[in-house]
Amino acid sequence: MPSSLSLYITVPSREIAEKIARALVEEKLAACINIFAGVRSIYRWKGKVETANEVCLVAKSRAELFDKLEKRVKELHPYECPCIVAFPIGMGHQPYLDWIAEETT
């Protein structure tokens, strides 16, 4: 049974979020992606504290696809250093986890 993961990604706009989400799902790198608008980020960048309105994506996929996911997101992402963080899914509703495995390459 492949191990599942959730991938957390932030982007500057809904349009970019939808572009990335659609590409990852169409290319079978992710089974599903949730888009959350209205994220307010406060972060340190190049020695300064910055704030930004962002959009968050949560993608469901398989751990063995992380390298391909990371590469594809970086190709589509406008940030110099995009947030691409993966969390393993330790437990979950087994039919849903099976669906993730079936829907990803």
Protein backbone atom coordinates (compact mmCIF):
# COMPACT_ATOMS: atom_id res chain seq x y z
CA MET A 1 0.00 0.00 0.00
CA PRO A 2 1.54 3.35 -1.01
CA SER A 3 1.96 5.93 1.75
CA SER A 4 -0.16 9.06 1.36
CA LEU A 5 0.84 12.65 2.03
CA SER A 6 -0.67 16.10 2.27
CA LEU A 7 1.28 18.83 0.54
CA TYR A 8 0.95 22.39 1.89
CA ILE A 9 1.65 25.17 -0.64
CA THR A 10 1.11 28.94 -0.46
CA VAL A 11 0.74 31.20 -3.51
CA PRO A 12 0.04 34.91 -4.08
CA SER A 13 -3.36 34.62 -5.81
CA ARG A 14 -6.39 32.43 -6.46
CA GLU A 15 -5.56 32.35 -10.18
CA ILE A 16 -2.13 30.85 -9.51
CA ALA A 17 -3.64 28.45 -6.96
CA GLU A 18 -6.13 27.19 -9.53
CA LYS A 19 -3.45 26.92 -12.24
CA ILE A 20 -1.21 24.80 -9.98
CA ALA A 21 -4.11 22.72 -8.64
CA ARG A 22 -5.49 21.95 -12.08
CA ALA A 23 -2.06 20.99 -13.45
CA LEU A 24 -1.26 18.64 -10.54
CA VAL A 25 -4.64 16.90 -10.73
CA GLU A 26 -4.68 16.68 -14.54
CA GLU A 27 -1.14 15.26 -14.51
CA LYS A 28 -2.19 12.71 -11.85
CA LEU A 29 0.38 14.00 -9.37
CA ALA A 30 -2.40 14.77 -6.87
CA ALA A 31 -5.83 13.21 -6.39
CA CYS A 32 -7.44 16.32 -4.90
CA ILE A 33 -6.42 19.85 -3.93
CA ASN A 34 -8.27 22.15 -1.56
CA ILE A 35 -7.85 25.90 -2.05
CA PHE A 36 -8.19 28.25 0.92
CA ALA A 37 -8.26 31.97 0.15
CA GLY A 38 -7.77 34.73 2.70
CA VAL A 39 -4.53 33.53 4.27
CA ARG A 40 -2.51 36.30 5.93
CA SER A 41 1.19 35.49 6.15
CA ILE A 42 3.81 37.23 8.28
CA TYR A 43 7.35 36.09 7.55
CA ARG A 44 10.98 37.15 7.50
CA TRP A 45 12.46 37.54 4.02
CA LYS A 46 15.94 38.86 3.27
CA GLY A 47 16.28 40.39 6.74
CA LYS A 48 12.90 42.15 6.83
CA VAL A 49 9.57 41.20 8.36
CA GLU A 50 6.97 41.11 5.59
CA THR A 51 3.23 40.56 5.39
CA ALA A 52 1.23 39.23 2.46
CA ASN A 53 -2.22 38.03 1.54
CA GLU A 54 -1.87 34.54 0.14
CA VAL A 55 -3.87 31.51 -0.90
CA CYS A 56 -3.17 28.08 0.58
CA LEU A 57 -3.36 24.78 -1.28
CA VAL A 58 -3.56 21.37 0.40
CA ALA A 59 -2.87 18.56 -2.05
CA LYS A 60 -3.45 14.88 -1.38
CA SER A 61 -1.01 12.52 -3.07
CA ARG A 62 1.51 9.74 -2.47
CA ALA A 63 4.86 10.10 -0.75
CA GLU A 64 6.76 8.58 -3.66
CA LEU A 65 5.54 11.41 -5.90
CA PHE A 66 6.97 14.20 -3.74
CA ASP A 67 10.01 14.89 -5.97
CA LYS A 68 7.80 15.18 -9.08
CA LEU A 69 5.27 17.33 -7.19
CA GLU A 70 7.99 19.66 -5.91
CA LYS A 71 9.52 20.01 -9.38
CA ARG A 72 6.17 20.74 -11.03
CA VAL A 73 5.07 23.26 -8.39
CA LYS A 74 8.39 25.11 -8.72
CA GLU A 75 7.90 25.28 -12.50
CA LEU A 76 4.46 26.89 -12.07
CA HIS A 77 5.14 29.02 -8.99
CA PRO A 78 6.17 32.70 -9.20
CA TYR A 79 8.03 32.86 -5.85
CA GLU A 80 11.81 32.66 -5.65
CA CYS A 81 11.48 30.29 -2.66
CA PRO A 82 7.97 28.77 -2.62
CA CYS A 83 6.47 27.10 0.44
CA ILE A 84 6.19 23.42 -0.47
CA VAL A 85 5.89 21.30 2.66
CA ALA A 86 4.74 17.68 2.89
CA PHE A 87 3.10 15.95 5.84
CA PRO A 88 2.70 12.18 5.89
CA ILE A 89 -0.84 10.93 6.37
CA GLY A 90 -0.40 8.41 9.19
CA MET A 91 -4.02 7.35 9.40
CA GLY A 92 -7.20 7.99 7.49
CA HIS A 93 -10.41 6.55 6.10
CA GLN A 94 -9.04 3.59 4.13
CA PRO A 95 -11.35 3.93 1.10
CA TYR A 96 -10.23 7.57 0.78
CA LEU A 97 -6.56 6.62 1.03
CA ASP A 98 -7.15 3.89 -1.58
CA TRP A 99 -8.77 6.52 -3.84
CA ILE A 100 -5.69 8.77 -3.51
CA ALA A 101 -3.49 5.86 -4.59
CA GLU A 102 -5.79 5.03 -7.53
CA GLU A 103 -5.96 8.62 -8.79
CA THR A 104 -2.22 9.34 -8.76
CA THR A 105 0.38 8.01 -11.15
